[in-house]
């Protein structure tokens, strides 16, 4: 495939199509497991694919991919993880691309920039129909590499010459070459970790906190799943962090004039998730006090009045006090401030004593 600049100029038609697809791509990227139905139905409508075209493409898929894997196992005695690879040159029609994308459940997020790049190659006549980089279908019938090429085929309506490789082991999914380094969240994604982006950020933050948060800890990509295993039930805390972010953001919008609502000072969802995880795992008060503390921190509404430490912390976050004037890693400071607020709350303090900011070399212990 050719090398192009990072600026991709699309036709007005393709730009309008991409605007329609952008929302569905965001939904696809955030769904666990992947839900491509609305995205694919939108593309099907753009291409006016008929039921007969899709049925013929499904027959092709069954014959080209599924039957070949069954034959391998019947006549060679190999298990699913040992299938031979089969590569062949095909002419991929939009209907073929549609069917392949129906089996795109365990892939990385779709990149709008990457998709625009491939569309540009096709529209400019620079598509290399003999390029050896294959579209890969794994032996669990899920697409490995090639989702952007399939999407571009559907957007442009062009038939593309590509190589198709079938029978690749599903276990090799995390090692495929995409010309883009896979980050830890990508590894989590292909291992079916829910909300991989925020889970990855939370786990990284917890690792930094373990070493007092003064320096960023380097986690090698191949270590990310063992590191995740150190934090059981972190997914529940990630959900709490998401709810906390939405609650604080809603409070900000309600408390500000319309012209100021876009000036949300920012609040790290990972910081909220990490603090919730530490509290629920380490505090002896978590069973009885976490829910009321969390509710006040999220909404700012307290039956204890304006001096409730959770409410004081909520207001400080809205003002941006927690996120500014900190050295180093703001998310660690935000998590530390939540822990300081929790400690004051559990000690029945009328207000937060001292600063909301964490100044010590030791991350504050959880009361």
Protein backbone atom coordinates (compact mmCIF):
# COMPACT_ATOMS: atom_id res chain seq x y z
CA UNK A 1 0.00 0.00 0.00
CA UNK A 2 1.32 3.48 -0.75
CA UNK A 3 2.61 5.85 1.86
CA UNK A 4 0.64 9.07 2.06
CA UNK A 5 0.68 12.17 4.23
CA UNK A 6 -1.54 12.51 7.28
CA UNK A 7 -3.87 14.88 5.37
CA UNK A 8 -6.56 13.02 3.47
CA UNK A 9 -8.83 14.99 1.17
CA UNK A 10 -12.17 13.31 0.58
CA UNK A 11 -14.82 14.19 -1.95
CA UNK A 12 -17.92 15.98 -0.69
CA UNK A 13 -19.85 12.72 -1.11
CA UNK A 14 -17.36 10.71 0.94
CA UNK A 15 -17.20 13.46 3.57
CA UNK A 16 -20.98 13.39 3.95
CA UNK A 17 -20.91 9.59 4.22
CA UNK A 18 -18.18 9.76 6.88
CA UNK A 19 -20.24 12.24 8.91
CA UNK A 20 -23.12 9.77 8.90
CA UNK A 21 -20.82 6.90 9.84
CA UNK A 22 -18.90 8.74 12.58
CA UNK A 23 -21.65 8.25 15.19
CA UNK A 24 -22.10 4.56 14.40
CA UNK A 25 -18.33 4.04 14.53
CA UNK A 26 -18.22 5.61 18.00
CA UNK A 27 -21.02 3.27 19.11
CA UNK A 28 -19.16 0.32 17.60
CA UNK A 29 -15.92 1.30 19.35
CA UNK A 30 -17.62 1.58 22.75
CA UNK A 31 -19.75 -1.57 22.56
CA UNK A 32 -18.66 -4.75 24.36
CA UNK A 33 -18.69 -7.15 22.65
CA UNK A 34 -18.58 -5.37 19.31
CA UNK A 35 -21.96 -4.50 17.87
CA UNK A 36 -21.59 -3.59 14.21
CA UNK A 37 -25.24 -4.04 13.25
CA UNK A 38 -26.24 -0.37 12.93
CA UNK A 39 -22.94 0.56 11.30
CA UNK A 40 -23.28 -2.22 8.75
CA UNK A 41 -26.94 -1.51 8.04
CA UNK A 42 -26.05 2.13 7.36
CA UNK A 43 -23.32 1.03 4.94
CA UNK A 44 -25.67 -1.46 3.35
CA UNK A 45 -28.13 1.35 2.69
CA UNK A 46 -25.45 3.58 1.21
CA UNK A 47 -24.42 0.81 -1.20
CA UNK A 48 -28.00 -0.36 -1.82
CA UNK A 49 -26.90 -3.97 -1.27
CA UNK A 50 -29.72 -6.37 -1.98
CA UNK A 51 -30.66 -9.41 0.07
CA UNK A 52 -29.60 -11.61 -2.85
CA UNK A 53 -26.13 -10.03 -2.99
CA UNK A 54 -25.64 -10.58 0.73
CA UNK A 55 -26.94 -14.18 0.50
CA UNK A 56 -24.48 -14.93 -2.33
CA UNK A 57 -21.65 -13.38 -0.29
CA UNK A 58 -22.64 -15.49 2.72
CA UNK A 59 -22.48 -18.60 0.55
CA UNK A 60 -19.02 -17.53 -0.56
CA UNK A 61 -17.97 -17.05 3.08
CA UNK A 62 -19.25 -20.48 4.08
CA UNK A 63 -17.48 -22.17 1.17
CA UNK A 64 -14.25 -20.19 1.24
CA UNK A 65 -13.66 -20.06 4.99
CA UNK A 66 -15.83 -22.37 7.05
CA UNK A 67 -15.68 -25.43 4.80
CA UNK A 68 -11.91 -25.16 4.41
CA UNK A 69 -11.39 -25.18 8.17
CA UNK A 70 -13.66 -28.21 8.55
CA UNK A 71 -11.77 -30.05 5.80
CA UNK A 72 -8.47 -29.32 7.54
CA UNK A 73 -9.69 -30.81 10.79
CA UNK A 74 -11.33 -33.86 9.19
CA UNK A 75 -8.46 -34.89 6.95
CA UNK A 76 -5.39 -33.76 8.87
CA UNK A 77 -6.57 -34.31 12.45
CA UNK A 78 -5.49 -30.83 13.48
CA UNK A 79 -7.30 -28.96 16.22
CA UNK A 80 -8.71 -25.48 15.66
CA UNK A 81 -5.50 -23.88 16.93
CA UNK A 82 -3.39 -25.90 14.47
CA UNK A 83 -5.16 -25.20 11.17
CA UNK A 84 -3.02 -24.67 8.11
CA UNK A 85 -3.05 -21.20 6.66
CA UNK A 86 -4.70 -20.74 3.26
CA UNK A 87 -4.03 -17.59 1.24
CA UNK A 88 -5.68 -16.69 -2.02
CA UNK A 89 -6.20 -13.63 -4.17
CA UNK A 90 -9.84 -12.57 -4.34
CA UNK A 91 -11.88 -9.74 -5.78
CA UNK A 92 -13.64 -8.35 -2.71
CA UNK A 93 -17.00 -6.82 -3.56
CA UNK A 94 -18.91 -4.59 -1.13
CA UNK A 95 -21.15 -7.60 -0.37
CA UNK A 96 -18.08 -9.68 0.53
CA UNK A 97 -16.83 -6.86 2.75
CA UNK A 98 -20.24 -6.65 4.43
CA UNK A 99 -20.21 -10.35 5.33
CA UNK A 100 -16.61 -10.22 6.56
CA UNK A 101 -17.48 -7.29 8.83
CA UNK A 102 -20.35 -9.30 10.31
CA UNK A 103 -17.55 -11.37 11.85
CA UNK A 104 -15.61 -8.44 13.31
CA UNK A 105 -16.28 -8.97 17.03
CA UNK A 106 -12.81 -8.89 18.59
CA UNK A 107 -10.85 -6.20 16.83
CA UNK A 108 -9.25 -2.91 17.79
CA UNK A 109 -11.23 0.33 17.63
CA UNK A 110 -12.01 1.62 14.15
CA UNK A 111 -9.88 4.65 13.30
CA UNK A 112 -11.60 7.34 11.26
CA UNK A 113 -8.19 8.60 10.13
CA UNK A 114 -7.11 5.15 8.94
CA UNK A 115 -10.42 4.70 7.15
CA UNK A 116 -10.08 8.06 5.37
CA UNK A 117 -6.56 7.08 4.31
CA UNK A 118 -7.71 3.88 2.64
CA UNK A 119 -10.67 5.64 0.99
CA UNK A 120 -8.24 8.21 -0.41
CA UNK A 121 -6.02 5.48 -1.85
CA UNK A 122 -9.00 3.92 -3.60
CA UNK A 123 -10.46 7.18 -4.93
CA UNK A 124 -7.06 8.38 -6.18
CA UNK A 125 -6.47 5.13 -8.06
CA UNK A 126 -3.50 4.23 -5.84
CA UNK A 127 -4.92 0.98 -4.51
CA UNK A 128 -2.44 -1.87 -5.06
CA UNK A 129 -4.59 -4.87 -6.00
CA UNK A 130 -1.58 -7.18 -5.71
CA UNK A 131 -0.31 -5.97 -2.33
CA UNK A 132 0.72 -9.02 -0.26
CA UNK A 133 -0.64 -7.74 3.07
CA UNK A 134 -3.63 -10.01 3.50
CA UNK A 135 -7.00 -9.68 5.14
CA UNK A 136 -6.87 -12.33 7.87
CA UNK A 137 -9.77 -14.46 9.11
CA UNK A 138 -8.99 -16.41 12.29
CA UNK A 139 -10.03 -19.97 12.99
CA UNK A 140 -12.79 -18.74 15.34
CA UNK A 141 -14.39 -17.08 12.28
CA UNK A 142 -13.50 -13.57 13.43
CA UNK A 143 -11.75 -10.93 11.36
CA UNK A 144 -8.15 -10.26 12.34
CA UNK A 145 -6.65 -7.63 10.05
CA UNK A 146 -8.48 -5.77 7.32
CA UNK A 147 -11.45 -4.06 8.95
CA UNK A 148 -10.51 -0.64 7.51
CA UNK A 149 -10.10 -2.10 4.01
CA UNK A 150 -13.50 -3.79 4.28
CA UNK A 151 -15.12 -0.57 5.50
CA UNK A 152 -13.48 1.45 2.71
CA UNK A 153 -14.77 -1.08 0.18
CA UNK A 154 -18.29 -0.45 1.47
CA UNK A 155 -17.93 3.33 1.59
CA UNK A 156 -16.58 3.59 -1.97
CA UNK A 157 -18.61 0.76 -3.46
CA UNK A 158 -15.52 -0.41 -5.32
CA UNK A 159 -14.43 -4.02 -5.87
CA UNK A 160 -10.89 -4.45 -4.52
CA UNK A 161 -8.22 -6.98 -5.30
CA UNK A 162 -6.92 -8.34 -1.98
CA UNK A 163 -5.30 -11.41 -0.54
CA UNK A 164 -7.39 -13.35 1.97
CA UNK A 165 -5.71 -15.60 4.54
CA UNK A 166 -7.86 -18.06 6.48
CA UNK A 167 -7.14 -20.44 9.31
CA UNK A 168 -4.90 -18.19 11.42
CA UNK A 169 -4.93 -19.13 15.08
CA UNK A 170 -7.14 -16.86 17.17
CA UNK A 171 -4.37 -16.86 19.79
CA UNK A 172 -2.19 -14.90 17.34
CA UNK A 173 -4.67 -12.01 17.27
CA UNK A 174 -2.70 -9.89 19.72
CA UNK A 175 0.47 -10.22 17.65
CA UNK A 176 -0.80 -9.27 14.20
CA UNK A 177 1.06 -6.62 12.25
CA UNK A 178 -1.11 -3.57 11.68
CA UNK A 179 1.71 -1.08 10.95
CA UNK A 180 0.67 0.48 14.22
CA UNK A 181 2.07 -0.45 17.61
CA UNK A 182 -0.53 -2.12 19.76
CA UNK A 183 -0.98 -0.42 23.10
CA UNK A 184 -2.10 -2.09 26.31
CA UNK A 185 -5.72 -1.13 25.73
CA UNK A 186 -5.59 -2.85 22.32
CA UNK A 187 -4.36 -6.04 23.98
CA UNK A 188 -7.22 -5.80 26.49
CA UNK A 189 -9.64 -5.16 23.64
CA UNK A 190 -8.79 -8.31 21.72
CA UNK A 191 -8.97 -10.26 24.99
CA UNK A 192 -12.59 -9.11 25.46
CA UNK A 193 -11.91 -6.85 28.44
CA UNK A 194 -14.90 -4.58 29.00
CA UNK A 195 -14.30 -0.86 28.40
CA UNK A 196 -10.67 -1.55 27.57
CA UNK A 197 -9.61 2.09 27.21
CA UNK A 198 -10.69 3.15 30.71
CA UNK A 199 -9.75 -0.20 32.25
CA UNK A 200 -6.24 0.17 30.86
CA UNK A 201 -5.97 3.76 32.13
CA UNK A 202 -7.21 2.71 35.58
CA UNK A 203 -4.82 -0.21 35.88
CA UNK A 204 -1.88 1.96 34.79
CA UNK A 205 -2.86 4.54 37.40
CA UNK A 206 -3.14 1.90 40.14
CA UNK A 207 0.34 0.67 39.24
CA UNK A 208 1.67 4.23 39.46
CA UNK A 209 -0.04 4.70 42.84
CA UNK A 210 1.53 1.49 44.10
CA UNK A 211 4.88 3.20 43.60
CA UNK A 212 3.58 6.46 45.14
CA UNK A 213 2.68 8.05 41.84
CA UNK A 214 5.69 10.30 41.48
CA UNK A 215 6.83 8.67 38.24
CA UNK A 216 5.01 6.92 35.44
CA UNK A 217 5.56 3.17 35.57
CA UNK A 218 6.37 1.52 32.25
CA UNK A 219 4.24 -1.57 31.58
CA UNK A 220 5.31 -3.63 28.61
CA UNK A 221 2.47 -4.45 26.24
CA UNK A 222 2.90 -8.20 26.72
CA UNK A 223 2.64 -7.75 30.51
CA UNK A 224 -0.67 -5.90 30.55
CA UNK A 225 -2.93 -8.94 31.04
CA UNK A 226 -0.89 -10.32 34.00
CA UNK A 227 -0.94 -6.81 35.49
CA UNK A 228 -4.72 -6.65 35.05
CA UNK A 229 -5.00 -9.93 36.95
CA UNK A 230 -3.51 -8.19 40.02
CA UNK A 231 -6.65 -6.09 40.33
CA UNK A 232 -9.67 -8.39 40.70
CA UNK A 233 -13.06 -6.80 40.13
CA UNK A 234 -11.49 -3.61 38.77
CA UNK A 235 -14.22 -3.58 36.11
CA UNK A 236 -16.79 -2.64 38.77
CA UNK A 237 -14.65 0.32 39.83
CA UNK A 238 -14.28 1.39 36.19
CA UNK A 239 -18.08 1.54 36.00
CA UNK A 240 -18.14 3.61 39.21
CA UNK A 241 -15.55 5.95 37.72
CA UNK A 242 -17.72 6.43 34.62
CA UNK A 243 -20.81 7.22 36.71
CA UNK A 244 -18.80 9.61 38.86
CA UNK A 245 -17.50 11.44 35.79
CA UNK A 246 -21.01 11.79 34.33
CA UNK A 247 -22.42 12.99 37.65
CA UNK A 248 -19.76 15.65 38.15
CA UNK A 249 -20.06 16.77 34.54
CA UNK A 250 -23.85 17.09 34.88
CA UNK A 251 -23.43 19.12 38.10
CA UNK A 252 -21.03 21.43 36.31
CA UNK A 253 -23.48 22.07 33.46
CA UNK A 254 -26.33 22.71 35.89
CA UNK A 255 -24.31 25.16 37.97
CA UNK A 256 -22.88 27.26 35.13
CA UNK A 257 -24.36 29.72 32.66
CA UNK A 258 -24.72 28.40 29.14
CA UNK A 259 -21.68 30.29 27.85
CA UNK A 260 -19.43 28.67 30.51
CA UNK A 261 -20.59 25.09 30.14
CA UNK A 262 -17.86 24.20 27.68
CA UNK A 263 -15.19 25.16 30.22
CA UNK A 264 -15.48 21.99 32.25
CA UNK A 265 -12.13 21.82 34.06
CA UNK A 266 -11.75 18.15 33.34
CA UNK A 267 -11.94 15.20 35.67
CA UNK A 268 -10.05 11.97 35.12
CA UNK A 269 -12.45 9.04 34.93
CA UNK A 270 -9.50 6.74 35.65
CA UNK A 271 -8.68 8.73 38.80
CA UNK A 272 -12.23 8.26 40.08
CA UNK A 273 -12.14 4.56 39.23
CA UNK A 274 -8.75 4.05 40.90
CA UNK A 275 -9.84 5.85 44.07
CA UNK A 276 -13.06 3.82 44.23
CA UNK A 277 -11.07 0.62 43.79
CA UNK A 278 -8.64 1.50 46.61
CA UNK A 279 -11.46 2.49 48.95
CA UNK A 280 -13.53 -0.63 48.31
CA UNK A 281 -10.51 -2.91 48.58
CA UNK A 282 -8.73 -1.37 51.56
CA UNK A 283 -11.16 0.50 53.78
CA UNK A 284 -12.90 -1.15 56.72
CA UNK A 285 -15.66 1.44 56.33
CA UNK A 286 -16.38 0.66 52.69
CA UNK A 287 -19.38 -1.59 53.30
CA UNK A 288 -21.28 1.03 55.27
CA UNK A 289 -20.01 4.42 54.14
CA UNK A 290 -18.93 4.11 50.53
CA UNK A 291 -22.38 4.46 48.95
CA UNK A 292 -23.37 7.69 50.77
CA UNK A 293 -19.90 9.18 50.21
CA UNK A 294 -19.96 8.28 46.52
CA UNK A 295 -23.46 9.70 46.05
CA UNK A 296 -22.51 13.07 47.56
CA UNK A 297 -19.23 13.19 45.63
CA UNK A 298 -21.14 12.51 42.41
CA UNK A 299 -24.04 14.94 42.90
CA UNK A 300 -22.91 17.47 45.51
CA UNK A 301 -26.16 16.98 47.42
CA UNK A 302 -25.46 16.25 51.08
CA UNK A 303 -27.81 15.81 54.05
CA UNK A 304 -24.89 16.85 56.27
CA UNK A 305 -24.72 20.36 54.82
CA UNK A 306 -22.05 22.39 53.00
CA UNK A 307 -19.18 21.25 55.25
CA UNK A 308 -19.57 17.58 54.32
CA UNK A 309 -16.05 16.56 53.11
CA UNK A 310 -17.55 14.78 50.09
CA UNK A 311 -19.45 17.93 49.12
CA UNK A 312 -16.39 20.14 49.69
CA UNK A 313 -14.44 17.84 47.37
CA UNK A 314 -17.24 17.89 44.78
CA UNK A 315 -17.22 21.70 44.72
CA UNK A 316 -13.42 21.80 44.50
CA UNK A 317 -13.51 19.52 41.46
CA UNK A 318 -16.12 21.77 39.78
CA UNK A 319 -13.90 24.81 40.38
CA UNK A 320 -10.89 22.97 39.01
CA UNK A 321 -8.96 23.31 42.29
CA UNK A 322 -8.09 19.61 42.42
CA UNK A 323 -6.77 19.47 38.87
CA UNK A 324 -4.60 22.61 38.81
CA UNK A 325 -1.35 23.66 40.42
CA UNK A 326 -0.08 20.12 40.78
CA UNK A 327 3.34 18.75 39.97
CA UNK A 328 3.68 15.71 37.77
CA UNK A 329 0.73 13.46 37.13
CA UNK A 330 -2.70 15.20 37.60
CA UNK A 331 -4.69 11.93 37.69
CA UNK A 332 -2.68 10.69 40.68
CA UNK A 333 -3.33 13.97 42.49
CA UNK A 334 -7.05 13.72 41.75
CA UNK A 335 -7.15 10.16 43.12
CA UNK A 336 -5.19 11.30 46.18
CA UNK A 337 -7.66 14.14 46.78
CA UNK A 338 -10.57 11.69 46.67
CA UNK A 339 -8.79 9.49 49.22
CA UNK A 340 -8.19 12.55 51.47
CA UNK A 341 -11.88 13.40 51.18
CA UNK A 342 -12.83 9.82 52.02
CA UNK A 343 -10.55 9.78 55.07
CA UNK A 344 -12.11 12.99 56.38
CA UNK A 345 -15.60 11.61 55.71
CA UNK A 346 -14.96 8.38 57.62
CA UNK A 347 -13.51 10.29 60.58
CA UNK A 348 -16.71 12.35 60.90
CA UNK A 349 -14.80 15.56 60.29
CA UNK A 350 -16.92 18.62 59.74
CA UNK A 351 -14.65 19.73 56.95
CA UNK A 352 -11.53 18.68 55.12
CA UNK A 353 -8.55 19.45 57.28
CA UNK A 354 -5.59 21.00 55.49
CA UNK A 355 -5.21 21.15 51.73
CA UNK A 356 -7.06 19.06 49.18
CA UNK A 357 -3.74 18.65 47.42
CA UNK A 358 -1.38 15.80 48.06
CA UNK A 359 2.07 17.12 48.93
CA UNK A 360 3.71 14.14 50.59
CA UNK A 361 6.11 11.70 48.92
CA UNK A 362 3.85 8.88 50.12
CA UNK A 363 0.44 8.36 48.53
CA UNK A 364 -2.19 8.85 51.26
CA UNK A 365 -3.23 5.58 52.92
CA UNK A 366 -6.92 4.70 52.87
CA UNK A 367 -8.73 5.01 56.20
